Amino acid sequence: MAPIIDSDYFGVAAALSAAIFWSIAVVIFKSASDEISPFLIAALKNTIASVCFFVLFLLIDIPIWYDGFETLDYVRILISGILGMGLADIIFLYALSKIGANRIALVNCFEPVVIYVLSYIFLSTVLNNQQIFGFIIVIISILIINYENDIDGLNSSIKRRGIALQLLAVILSSIGIVLIKPVLLKVENNIMIQLWVTAFRLLPGIFVAWTIFMFQKNKMILLKPLKQSRLLKKIIIGSGLGTFVALSFWIIGYANIEHPPIASILGQTSVIFIILLSWIFLKEKITLIRLISMLFASIGVCLTIL
């Protein structure tokens, strides 16, 4: 296993795998969100993924509790989980249900830019002219899809609100990613502990998601769609592929790629997969404007992180 982990391609392969599995999960969640509340989906997917991790830990002998970190490290993981697996995921699923998978994918291109800005704020990382130019291009791509003339009948105010919410989700998720990087650096080349960090990060996400769901006035009505086996299967499969498999690959890739920006751009390949899959399975239209936006966003991301 060690030679594989030490390979330069190991982290890259893991990050690309995460993008593929996450894309499939996004399309599944979108199809389910038409009938199931995104608040319930968020709570269920984190819970199901946690059960999967628990079973995995028993099967491959990963400790249920790892005591090798300092107190600050556990605090970082918990805050990262609250922001990324709790608040960001709920906002993401809500926005997904409102504006569709391919718009969500395009807005996600903003993530590497946010990570660079956070690095500048917290780590005093200075952006060069090329990176600033890339930042501007990504902003332009988001503005393009924000003001496109919709042919699918989506209300413009709903679209703009959904895009704004997804930008907020990206910011919260990015803060969580920046927070957790120092912890992952302490367990380089140790996949088992990286998986443990991934699972432990889910716990505050479960608490936040279920707390928000329990405050819904019509929560008993929101539970009724789960009686349909086809919908329950979608949630289980989406949770397994997205929150369990894809999240595991992402954390492993992020931990084993020397430069975090490289991991970010590999993660953004999900844009291509999501747009194609949503076109094939969800019948979401791929307009020329969205293709131009995808091209602009991809160029901007490349310029920002190279």
C-alpha atoms as a PDB file:
ATOM      1  CA  MET A   1       0.000   0.000   0.000  1.00  0.00           C
ATOM      2  CA  ALA A   2       2.824   2.427   0.882  1.00  0.00           C
ATOM      3  CA  PRO A   3       4.296   2.589  -2.652  1.00  0.00           C
ATOM      4  CA  ILE A   4       0.829   3.346  -4.030  1.00  0.00           C
ATOM      5  CA  ILE A   5       0.247   6.110  -1.498  1.00  0.00           C
ATOM      6  CA  ASP A   6       3.655   7.624  -2.202  1.00  0.00           C
ATOM      7  CA  SER A   7       2.907   7.738  -5.921  1.00  0.00           C
ATOM      8  CA  ASP A   8       2.448  11.218  -7.375  1.00  0.00           C
ATOM      9  CA  TYR A   9      -0.722   9.997  -9.019  1.00  0.00           C
ATOM     10  CA  PHE A  10      -2.416   8.625  -5.903  1.00  0.00           C
ATOM     11  CA  GLY A  11      -3.844  11.924  -4.663  1.00  0.00           C
ATOM     12  CA  VAL A  12      -4.804  12.941  -8.197  1.00  0.00           C
ATOM     13  CA  ALA A  13      -6.654   9.660  -8.785  1.00  0.00           C
ATOM     14  CA  ALA A  14      -8.471  10.027  -5.458  1.00  0.00           C
ATOM     15  CA  ALA A  15      -9.545  13.625  -6.206  1.00  0.00           C
ATOM     16  CA  LEU A  16     -10.798  12.688  -9.683  1.00  0.00           C
ATOM     17  CA  SER A  17     -12.697   9.722  -8.253  1.00  0.00           C
ATOM     18  CA  ALA A  18     -14.324  12.068  -5.742  1.00  0.00           C
ATOM     19  CA  ALA A  19     -15.455  14.372  -8.562  1.00  0.00           C
ATOM     20  CA  ILE A  20     -17.034  11.492 -10.497  1.00  0.00           C
ATOM     21  CA  PHE A  21     -18.870   9.933  -7.562  1.00  0.00           C
ATOM     22  CA  TRP A  22     -20.018  13.330  -6.267  1.00  0.00           C
ATOM     23  CA  SER A  23     -21.416  14.217  -9.688  1.00  0.00           C
ATOM     24  CA  ILE A  24     -23.525  11.068  -9.718  1.00  0.00           C
ATOM     25  CA  ALA A  25     -24.733  11.789  -6.181  1.00  0.00           C
ATOM     26  CA  VAL A  26     -25.680  15.387  -7.063  1.00  0.00           C
ATOM     27  CA  VAL A  27     -27.884  14.195  -9.921  1.00  0.00           C
ATOM     28  CA  ILE A  28     -29.530  11.620  -7.636  1.00  0.00           C
ATOM     29  CA  PHE A  29     -30.133  14.190  -4.896  1.00  0.00           C
ATOM     30  CA  LYS A  30     -31.590  16.619  -7.410  1.00  0.00           C
ATOM     31  CA  SER A  31     -34.078  14.039  -8.661  1.00  0.00           C
ATOM     32  CA  ALA A  32     -35.050  13.233  -5.072  1.00  0.00           C
ATOM     33  CA  SER A  33     -35.307  16.890  -3.987  1.00  0.00           C
ATOM     34  CA  ASP A  34     -38.358  17.329  -6.211  1.00  0.00           C
ATOM     35  CA  GLU A  35     -40.288  15.198  -3.701  1.00  0.00           C
ATOM     36  CA  ILE A  36     -38.224  15.212  -0.492  1.00  0.00           C
ATOM     37  CA  SER A  37     -37.318  18.272   1.558  1.00  0.00           C
ATOM     38  CA  PRO A  38     -33.634  19.237   1.181  1.00  0.00           C
ATOM     39  CA  PHE A  39     -33.526  19.640   4.978  1.00  0.00           C
ATOM     40  CA  LEU A  40     -34.458  15.987   5.370  1.00  0.00           C
ATOM     41  CA  ILE A  41     -32.039  14.877   2.638  1.00  0.00           C
ATOM     42  CA  ALA A  42     -29.176  16.654   4.411  1.00  0.00           C
ATOM     43  CA  ALA A  43     -29.953  14.963   7.723  1.00  0.00           C
ATOM     44  CA  LEU A  44     -30.420  11.519   6.189  1.00  0.00           C
ATOM     45  CA  LYS A  45     -27.361  11.557   3.955  1.00  0.00           C
ATOM     46  CA  ASN A  46     -25.017  12.443   6.819  1.00  0.00           C
ATOM     47  CA  THR A  47     -26.592   9.811   9.078  1.00  0.00           C
ATOM     48  CA  ILE A  48     -26.452   7.069   6.433  1.00  0.00           C
ATOM     49  CA  ALA A  49     -22.847   7.914   5.577  1.00  0.00           C
ATOM     50  CA  SER A  50     -21.895   7.769   9.278  1.00  0.00           C
ATOM     51  CA  VAL A  51     -23.372   4.276   9.537  1.00  0.00           C
ATOM     52  CA  CYS A  52     -21.350   3.267   6.455  1.00  0.00           C
ATOM     53  CA  PHE A  53     -18.172   4.601   8.061  1.00  0.00           C
ATOM     54  CA  PHE A  54     -18.904   2.757  11.313  1.00  0.00           C
ATOM     55  CA  VAL A  55     -19.344  -0.531   9.460  1.00  0.00           C
ATOM     56  CA  LEU A  56     -16.175   0.124   7.428  1.00  0.00           C
ATOM     57  CA  PHE A  57     -14.188   0.826  10.594  1.00  0.00           C
ATOM     58  CA  LEU A  58     -15.297  -2.496  12.079  1.00  0.00           C
ATOM     59  CA  LEU A  59     -14.418  -4.372   8.896  1.00  0.00           C
ATOM     60  CA  ILE A  60     -10.916  -2.952   8.371  1.00  0.00           C
ATOM     61  CA  ASP A  61     -10.055  -2.362  12.032  1.00  0.00           C
ATOM     62  CA  ILE A  62      -9.969   1.439  12.113  1.00  0.00           C
ATOM     63  CA  PRO A  63     -10.254   2.726  15.701  1.00  0.00           C
ATOM     64  CA  ILE A  64     -13.602   4.241  16.648  1.00  0.00           C
ATOM     65  CA  TRP A  65     -11.700   6.925  18.563  1.00  0.00           C
ATOM     66  CA  TYR A  66      -8.287   8.292  17.569  1.00  0.00           C
ATOM     67  CA  ASP A  67      -6.428  10.126  20.345  1.00  0.00           C
ATOM     68  CA  GLY A  68      -3.347  11.193  18.400  1.00  0.00           C
ATOM     69  CA  PHE A  69      -4.422  14.801  17.840  1.00  0.00           C
ATOM     70  CA  GLU A  70      -4.142  17.878  20.024  1.00  0.00           C
ATOM     71  CA  THR A  71      -7.279  19.534  21.431  1.00  0.00           C
ATOM     72  CA  LEU A  72      -7.104  22.313  18.840  1.00  0.00           C
ATOM     73  CA  ASP A  73      -7.119  19.714  16.056  1.00  0.00           C
ATOM     74  CA  TYR A  74     -10.397  18.205  17.288  1.00  0.00           C
ATOM     75  CA  VAL A  75     -11.874  21.701  17.534  1.00  0.00           C
ATOM     76  CA  ARG A  76     -10.812  22.376  13.940  1.00  0.00           C
ATOM     77  CA  ILE A  77     -12.470  19.166  12.748  1.00  0.00           C
ATOM     78  CA  LEU A  78     -15.689  19.941  14.616  1.00  0.00           C
ATOM     79  CA  ILE A  79     -15.930  23.509  13.294  1.00  0.00           C
ATOM     80  CA  SER A  80     -15.092  22.249   9.804  1.00  0.00           C
ATOM     81  CA  GLY A  81     -17.916  19.719  10.117  1.00  0.00           C
ATOM     82  CA  ILE A  82     -20.426  22.311  11.329  1.00  0.00           C
ATOM     83  CA  LEU A  83     -19.613  24.634   8.433  1.00  0.00           C
ATOM     84  CA  GLY A  84     -19.021  22.102   5.655  1.00  0.00           C
ATOM     85  CA  MET A  85     -21.140  19.037   6.446  1.00  0.00           C
ATOM     86  CA  GLY A  86     -23.844  20.936   8.311  1.00  0.00           C
ATOM     87  CA  LEU A  87     -24.645  24.453   7.151  1.00  0.00           C
ATOM     88  CA  ALA A  88     -23.017  24.353   3.693  1.00  0.00           C
ATOM     89  CA  ASP A  89     -24.621  21.019   2.770  1.00  0.00           C
ATOM     90  CA  ILE A  90     -28.106  22.141   3.800  1.00  0.00           C
ATOM     91  CA  ILE A  91     -27.794  25.392   1.843  1.00  0.00           C
ATOM     92  CA  PHE A  92     -26.362  23.474  -1.136  1.00  0.00           C
ATOM     93  CA  LEU A  93     -29.237  20.981  -1.238  1.00  0.00           C
ATOM     94  CA  TYR A  94     -31.804  23.758  -0.892  1.00  0.00           C
ATOM     95  CA  ALA A  95     -30.213  25.723  -3.743  1.00  0.00           C
ATOM     96  CA  LEU A  96     -29.965  22.532  -5.809  1.00  0.00           C
ATOM     97  CA  SER A  97     -33.700  21.962  -5.476  1.00  0.00           C
ATOM     98  CA  LYS A  98     -34.381  25.511  -6.682  1.00  0.00           C
ATOM     99  CA  ILE A  99     -31.990  26.191  -9.591  1.00  0.00           C
ATOM    100  CA  GLY A 100     -30.902  22.782 -10.880  1.00  0.00           C
ATOM    101  CA  ALA A 101     -27.719  20.743 -11.006  1.00  0.00           C
ATOM    102  CA  ASN A 102     -25.862  22.410 -13.887  1.00  0.00           C
ATOM    103  CA  ARG A 103     -26.174  25.936 -12.474  1.00  0.00           C
ATOM    104  CA  ILE A 104     -24.993  24.630  -9.100  1.00  0.00           C
ATOM    105  CA  ALA A 105     -21.995  23.014 -10.793  1.00  0.00           C
ATOM    106  CA  LEU A 106     -20.990  26.263 -12.479  1.00  0.00           C
ATOM    107  CA  VAL A 107     -21.253  28.292  -9.266  1.00  0.00           C
ATOM    108  CA  ASN A 108     -19.043  25.689  -7.562  1.00  0.00           C
ATOM    109  CA  CYS A 109     -16.193  26.877  -9.786  1.00  0.00           C
ATOM    110  CA  PHE A 110     -15.985  29.797  -7.373  1.00  0.00           C
ATOM    111  CA  GLU A 111     -14.575  27.500  -4.663  1.00  0.00           C
ATOM    112  CA  PRO A 112     -10.857  27.636  -5.618  1.00  0.00           C
ATOM    113  CA  VAL A 113     -11.098  31.422  -5.730  1.00  0.00           C
ATOM    114  CA  VAL A 114     -12.587  31.514  -2.238  1.00  0.00           C
ATOM    115  CA  ILE A 115      -9.844  29.215  -0.976  1.00  0.00           C
ATOM    116  CA  TYR A 116      -7.199  31.573  -2.345  1.00  0.00           C
ATOM    117  CA  VAL A 117      -8.882  34.580  -0.741  1.00  0.00           C
ATOM    118  CA  LEU A 118      -9.063  32.768   2.596  1.00  0.00           C
ATOM    119  CA  SER A 119      -5.404  31.807   2.253  1.00  0.00           C
ATOM    120  CA  TYR A 120      -4.609  35.485   1.702  1.00  0.00           C
ATOM    121  CA  ILE A 121      -6.615  36.504   4.797  1.00  0.00           C
ATOM    122  CA  PHE A 122      -5.450  33.794   7.190  1.00  0.00           C
ATOM    123  CA  LEU A 123      -2.087  32.751   5.752  1.00  0.00           C
ATOM    124  CA  SER A 124      -0.963  36.040   4.130  1.00  0.00           C
ATOM    125  CA  THR A 125      -0.747  34.358   0.737  1.00  0.00           C
ATOM    126  CA  VAL A 126      -0.432  37.056  -1.943  1.00  0.00           C
ATOM    127  CA  LEU A 127      -2.220  36.606  -5.275  1.00  0.00           C
ATOM    128  CA  ASN A 128      -0.250  37.414  -8.396  1.00  0.00           C
ATOM    129  CA  ASN A 129      -1.690  39.251 -11.402  1.00  0.00           C
ATOM    130  CA  GLN A 130      -2.565  36.019 -13.211  1.00  0.00           C
ATOM    131  CA  GLN A 131      -4.494  34.698 -10.221  1.00  0.00           C
ATOM    132  CA  ILE A 132      -6.367  37.978  -9.834  1.00  0.00           C
ATOM    133  CA  PHE A 133      -7.258  37.813 -13.545  1.00  0.00           C
ATOM    134  CA  GLY A 134      -8.521  34.254 -13.049  1.00  0.00           C
ATOM    135  CA  PHE A 135     -10.573  35.432 -10.079  1.00  0.00           C
ATOM    136  CA  ILE A 136     -12.244  38.085 -12.263  1.00  0.00           C
ATOM    137  CA  ILE A 137     -13.003  35.536 -15.009  1.00  0.00           C
ATOM    138  CA  VAL A 138     -14.742  33.217 -12.538  1.00  0.00           C
ATOM    139  CA  ILE A 139     -16.819  36.139 -11.286  1.00  0.00           C
ATOM    140  CA  ILE A 140     -17.776  36.950 -14.893  1.00  0.00           C
ATOM    141  CA  SER A 141     -18.892  33.356 -15.530  1.00  0.00           C
ATOM    142  CA  ILE A 142     -21.168  33.465 -12.493  1.00  0.00           C
ATOM    143  CA  LEU A 143     -22.633  36.792 -13.612  1.00  0.00           C
ATOM    144  CA  ILE A 144     -23.293  35.311 -17.068  1.00  0.00           C
ATOM    145  CA  ILE A 145     -25.454  32.477 -15.720  1.00  0.00           C
ATOM    146  CA  ASN A 146     -27.049  34.856 -13.235  1.00  0.00           C
ATOM    147  CA  TYR A 147     -28.370  37.106 -16.000  1.00  0.00           C
ATOM    148  CA  GLU A 148     -28.994  34.561 -18.759  1.00  0.00           C
ATOM    149  CA  ASN A 149     -32.424  34.520 -20.336  1.00  0.00           C
ATOM    150  CA  ASP A 150     -34.033  31.368 -19.031  1.00  0.00           C
ATOM    151  CA  ILE A 151     -35.744  29.040 -21.427  1.00  0.00           C
ATOM    152  CA  ASP A 152     -36.823  26.610 -18.710  1.00  0.00           C
ATOM    153  CA  GLY A 153     -39.264  29.003 -17.057  1.00  0.00           C
ATOM    154  CA  LEU A 154     -37.274  29.578 -13.878  1.00  0.00           C
ATOM    155  CA  ASN A 155     -38.226  32.781 -12.098  1.00  0.00           C
ATOM    156  CA  SER A 156     -35.312  35.239 -12.175  1.00  0.00           C
ATOM    157  CA  SER A 157     -35.617  36.127  -8.487  1.00  0.00           C
ATOM    158  CA  ILE A 158     -35.567  32.436  -7.516  1.00  0.00           C
ATOM    159  CA  LYS A 159     -32.527  31.881  -9.726  1.00  0.00           C
ATOM    160  CA  ARG A 160     -30.582  34.788  -8.237  1.00  0.00           C
ATOM    161  CA  ARG A 161     -31.511  33.775  -4.715  1.00  0.00           C
ATOM    162  CA  GLY A 162     -30.404  30.214  -5.449  1.00  0.00           C
ATOM    163  CA  ILE A 163     -27.088  31.363  -6.893  1.00  0.00           C
ATOM    164  CA  ALA A 164     -26.503  33.632  -3.880  1.00  0.00           C
ATOM    165  CA  LEU A 165     -27.245  30.759  -1.508  1.00  0.00           C
ATOM    166  CA  GLN A 166     -24.883  28.442  -3.375  1.00  0.00           C
ATOM    167  CA  LEU A 167     -22.140  31.075  -3.194  1.00  0.00           C
ATOM    168  CA  LEU A 168     -22.700  31.183   0.573  1.00  0.00           C
ATOM    169  CA  ALA A 169     -22.471  27.381   0.694  1.00  0.00           C
ATOM    170  CA  VAL A 170     -19.191  27.500  -1.247  1.00  0.00           C
ATOM    171  CA  ILE A 171     -17.766  30.082   1.164  1.00  0.00           C
ATOM    172  CA  LEU A 172     -18.731  28.062   4.251  1.00  0.00           C
ATOM    173  CA  SER A 173     -17.399  24.845   2.720  1.00  0.00           C
ATOM    174  CA  SER A 174     -14.134  26.545   1.735  1.00  0.00           C
ATOM    175  CA  ILE A 175     -13.601  27.843   5.263  1.00  0.00           C
ATOM    176  CA  GLY A 176     -14.055  24.283   6.489  1.00  0.00           C
ATOM    177  CA  ILE A 177     -11.512  23.003   3.968  1.00  0.00           C
ATOM    178  CA  VAL A 178      -8.907  25.596   4.963  1.00  0.00           C
ATOM    179  CA  LEU A 179      -9.468  24.808   8.650  1.00  0.00           C
ATOM    180  CA  ILE A 180      -8.920  21.089   8.251  1.00  0.00           C
ATOM    181  CA  LYS A 181      -5.758  21.150   6.121  1.00  0.00           C
ATOM    182  CA  PRO A 182      -3.297  21.505   9.073  1.00  0.00           C
ATOM    183  CA  VAL A 183      -4.911  18.462  10.703  1.00  0.00           C
ATOM    184  CA  LEU A 184      -4.607  16.360   7.559  1.00  0.00           C
ATOM    185  CA  LEU A 185      -0.947  17.299   7.217  1.00  0.00           C
ATOM    186  CA  LYS A 186      -0.330  15.507  10.518  1.00  0.00           C
ATOM    187  CA  VAL A 187      -1.615  12.199   9.143  1.00  0.00           C
ATOM    188  CA  GLU A 188      -0.022  12.191   5.696  1.00  0.00           C
ATOM    189  CA  ASN A 189       0.184   8.719   4.122  1.00  0.00           C
ATOM    190  CA  ASN A 190      -2.162   7.276   6.754  1.00  0.00           C
ATOM    191  CA  ILE A 191      -5.395   6.568   4.909  1.00  0.00           C
ATOM    192  CA  MET A 192      -7.068   4.971   7.914  1.00  0.00           C
ATOM    193  CA  ILE A 193      -6.749   8.087  10.062  1.00  0.00           C
ATOM    194  CA  GLN A 194      -7.722  10.279   7.104  1.00  0.00           C
ATOM    195  CA  LEU A 195     -10.932   8.250   6.884  1.00  0.00           C
ATOM    196  CA  TRP A 196     -11.384   8.658  10.640  1.00  0.00           C
ATOM    197  CA  VAL A 197     -11.124  12.439  10.269  1.00  0.00           C
ATOM    198  CA  THR A 198     -13.710  12.271   7.479  1.00  0.00           C
ATOM    199  CA  ALA A 199     -16.138  10.322   9.663  1.00  0.00           C
ATOM    200  CA  PHE A 200     -15.566  12.450  12.775  1.00  0.00           C
ATOM    201  CA  ARG A 201     -16.205  15.568  10.680  1.00  0.00           C
ATOM    202  CA  LEU A 202     -19.647  14.169   9.841  1.00  0.00           C
ATOM    203  CA  LEU A 203     -20.835  14.080  13.454  1.00  0.00           C
ATOM    204  CA  PRO A 204     -21.423  17.833  13.904  1.00  0.00           C
ATOM    205  CA  GLY A 205     -22.962  17.814  10.422  1.00  0.00           C
ATOM    206  CA  ILE A 206     -25.514  15.250  11.610  1.00  0.00           C
ATOM    207  CA  PHE A 207     -26.323  17.308  14.700  1.00  0.00           C
ATOM    208  CA  VAL A 208     -26.766  20.554  12.739  1.00  0.00           C
ATOM    209  CA  ALA A 209     -28.852  18.936   9.982  1.00  0.00           C
ATOM    210  CA  TRP A 210     -31.259  17.139  12.327  1.00  0.00           C
ATOM    211  CA  THR A 211     -31.570  20.202  14.574  1.00  0.00           C
ATOM    212  CA  ILE A 212     -32.608  22.367  11.625  1.00  0.00           C
ATOM    213  CA  PHE A 213     -35.003  19.674  10.390  1.00  0.00           C
ATOM    214  CA  MET A 214     -36.651  19.344  13.813  1.00  0.00           C
ATOM    215  CA  PHE A 215     -37.423  23.072  13.752  1.00  0.00           C
ATOM    216  CA  GLN A 216     -39.481  22.655  10.575  1.00  0.00           C
ATOM    217  CA  LYS A 217     -43.135  23.196  11.437  1.00  0.00           C
ATOM    218  CA  ASN A 218     -44.379  20.471   9.096  1.00  0.00           C
ATOM    219  CA  LYS A 219     -41.653  17.901   9.815  1.00  0.00           C
ATOM    220  CA  MET A 220     -44.076  14.963  10.132  1.00  0.00           C
ATOM    221  CA  ILE A 221     -45.483  15.733   6.678  1.00  0.00           C
ATOM    222  CA  LEU A 222     -41.943  16.003   5.298  1.00  0.00           C
ATOM    223  CA  LEU A 223     -41.235  12.434   6.455  1.00  0.00           C
ATOM    224  CA  LYS A 224     -44.099  10.910   4.452  1.00  0.00           C
ATOM    225  CA  PRO A 225     -42.246  10.618   1.102  1.00  0.00           C
ATOM    226  CA  LEU A 226     -39.835   8.154   2.749  1.00  0.00           C
ATOM    227  CA  LYS A 227     -42.625   5.575   2.671  1.00  0.00           C
ATOM    228  CA  GLN A 228     -41.961   5.310  -1.061  1.00  0.00           C
ATOM    229  CA  SER A 229     -39.219   2.745  -1.537  1.00  0.00           C
ATOM    230  CA  ARG A 230     -37.930   4.314  -4.764  1.00  0.00           C
ATOM    231  CA  LEU A 231     -37.256   7.628  -2.994  1.00  0.00           C
ATOM    232  CA  LEU A 232     -35.644   5.924  -0.033  1.00  0.00           C
ATOM    233  CA  LYS A 233     -33.373   4.009  -2.427  1.00  0.00           C
ATOM    234  CA  LYS A 234     -32.311   7.279  -4.057  1.00  0.00           C
ATOM    235  CA  ILE A 235     -31.332   8.752  -0.683  1.00  0.00           C
ATOM    236  CA  ILE A 236     -29.417   5.639   0.335  1.00  0.00           C
ATOM    237  CA  ILE A 237     -27.558   5.374  -2.989  1.00  0.00           C
ATOM    238  CA  GLY A 238     -26.856   9.122  -3.137  1.00  0.00           C
ATOM    239  CA  SER A 239     -25.589   9.109   0.449  1.00  0.00           C
ATOM    240  CA  GLY A 240     -23.404   6.092  -0.184  1.00  0.00           C
ATOM    241  CA  LEU A 241     -21.859   7.434  -3.385  1.00  0.00           C
ATOM    242  CA  GLY A 242     -21.707  11.101  -2.353  1.00  0.00           C
ATOM    243  CA  THR A 243     -21.240  11.539   1.378  1.00  0.00           C
ATOM    244  CA  PHE A 244     -19.475   8.213   1.996  1.00  0.00           C
ATOM    245  CA  VAL A 245     -17.449   7.316  -1.115  1.00  0.00           C
ATOM    246  CA  ALA A 246     -16.909  10.729  -2.733  1.00  0.00           C
ATOM    247  CA  LEU A 247     -16.176  12.491   0.559  1.00  0.00           C
ATOM    248  CA  SER A 248     -13.662   9.787   1.494  1.00  0.00           C
ATOM    249  CA  PHE A 249     -11.888  10.096  -1.854  1.00  0.00           C
ATOM    250  CA  TRP A 250     -11.900  13.898  -1.566  1.00  0.00           C
ATOM    251  CA  ILE A 251     -10.320  13.972   1.902  1.00  0.00           C
ATOM    252  CA  ILE A 252      -7.738  11.360   0.852  1.00  0.00           C
ATOM    253  CA  GLY A 253      -6.932  13.289  -2.324  1.00  0.00           C
ATOM    254  CA  TYR A 254      -6.783  16.606  -0.485  1.00  0.00           C
ATOM    255  CA  ALA A 255      -4.448  15.095   2.110  1.00  0.00           C
ATOM    256  CA  ASN A 256      -2.134  13.447  -0.431  1.00  0.00           C
ATOM    257  CA  ILE A 257      -1.787  16.260  -2.974  1.00  0.00           C
ATOM    258  CA  GLU A 258       1.052  18.538  -1.981  1.00  0.00           C
ATOM    259  CA  HIS A 259      -0.543  21.755  -3.236  1.00  0.00           C
ATOM    260  CA  PRO A 260      -4.217  22.253  -2.179  1.00  0.00           C
ATOM    261  CA  PRO A 261      -5.028  24.376  -5.267  1.00  0.00           C
ATOM    262  CA  ILE A 262      -4.285  21.359  -7.471  1.00  0.00           C
ATOM    263  CA  ALA A 263      -6.825  19.378  -5.464  1.00  0.00           C
ATOM    264  CA  SER A 264      -9.300  22.217  -5.974  1.00  0.00           C
ATOM    265  CA  ILE A 265      -9.041  22.203  -9.755  1.00  0.00           C
ATOM    266  CA  LEU A 266      -9.395  18.425  -9.885  1.00  0.00           C
ATOM    267  CA  GLY A 267     -12.510  18.772  -7.767  1.00  0.00           C
ATOM    268  CA  GLN A 268     -13.921  21.258 -10.264  1.00  0.00           C
ATOM    269  CA  THR A 269     -13.902  18.596 -12.981  1.00  0.00           C
ATOM    270  CA  SER A 270     -17.220  17.625 -11.399  1.00  0.00           C
ATOM    271  CA  VAL A 271     -18.672  20.591 -13.306  1.00  0.00           C
ATOM    272  CA  ILE A 272     -18.312  18.689 -16.572  1.00  0.00           C
ATOM    273  CA  PHE A 273     -19.722  15.454 -15.181  1.00  0.00           C
ATOM    274  CA  ILE A 274     -22.677  17.143 -13.461  1.00  0.00           C
ATOM    275  CA  ILE A 275     -23.679  19.133 -16.542  1.00  0.00           C
ATOM    276  CA  LEU A 276     -23.536  16.040 -18.748  1.00  0.00           C
ATOM    277  CA  LEU A 277     -25.341  13.779 -16.277  1.00  0.00           C
ATOM    278  CA  SER A 278     -28.041  16.365 -15.534  1.00  0.00           C
ATOM    279  CA  TRP A 279     -28.590  16.726 -19.281  1.00  0.00           C
ATOM    280  CA  ILE A 280     -28.869  12.953 -19.775  1.00  0.00           C
ATOM    281  CA  PHE A 281     -30.864  11.944 -16.689  1.00  0.00           C
ATOM    282  CA  LEU A 282     -32.620  15.119 -15.505  1.00  0.00           C
ATOM    283  CA  LYS A 283     -33.270  16.558 -18.971  1.00  0.00           C
ATOM    284  CA  GLU A 284     -31.797  19.902 -17.881  1.00  0.00           C
ATOM    285  CA  LYS A 285     -31.016  21.998 -20.927  1.00  0.00           C
ATOM    286  CA  ILE A 286     -27.407  22.777 -21.844  1.00  0.00           C
ATOM    287  CA  THR A 287     -27.645  26.240 -23.319  1.00  0.00           C
ATOM    288  CA  LEU A 288     -24.918  28.012 -25.237  1.00  0.00           C
ATOM    289  CA  ILE A 289     -24.730  30.550 -22.397  1.00  0.00           C
ATOM    290  CA  ARG A 290     -24.038  27.797 -19.866  1.00  0.00           C
ATOM    291  CA  LEU A 291     -21.399  26.223 -22.103  1.00  0.00           C
ATOM    292  CA  ILE A 292     -19.697  29.627 -22.395  1.00  0.00           C
ATOM    293  CA  SER A 293     -19.963  30.048 -18.627  1.00  0.00           C
ATOM    294  CA  MET A 294     -18.406  26.614 -18.081  1.00  0.00           C
ATOM    295  CA  LEU A 295     -15.537  27.488 -20.425  1.00  0.00           C
ATOM    296  CA  PHE A 296     -14.970  30.855 -18.708  1.00  0.00           C
ATOM    297  CA  ALA A 297     -15.125  29.286 -15.261  1.00  0.00           C
ATOM    298  CA  SER A 298     -12.676  26.522 -16.204  1.00  0.00           C
ATOM    299  CA  ILE A 299     -10.194  29.018 -17.656  1.00  0.00           C
ATOM    300  CA  GLY A 300     -10.559  31.211 -14.572  1.00  0.00           C
ATOM    301  CA  VAL A 301      -9.940  28.317 -12.215  1.00  0.00           C
ATOM    302  CA  CYS A 302      -6.843  27.270 -14.170  1.00  0.00           C
ATOM    303  CA  LEU A 303      -5.418  30.801 -14.106  1.00  0.00           C
ATOM    304  CA  THR A 304      -6.176  31.146 -10.407  1.00  0.00           C
ATOM    305  CA  ILE A 305      -4.376  28.025  -9.252  1.00  0.00           C
ATOM    306  CA  LEU A 306      -1.552  27.529 -11.760  1.00  0.00           C
END
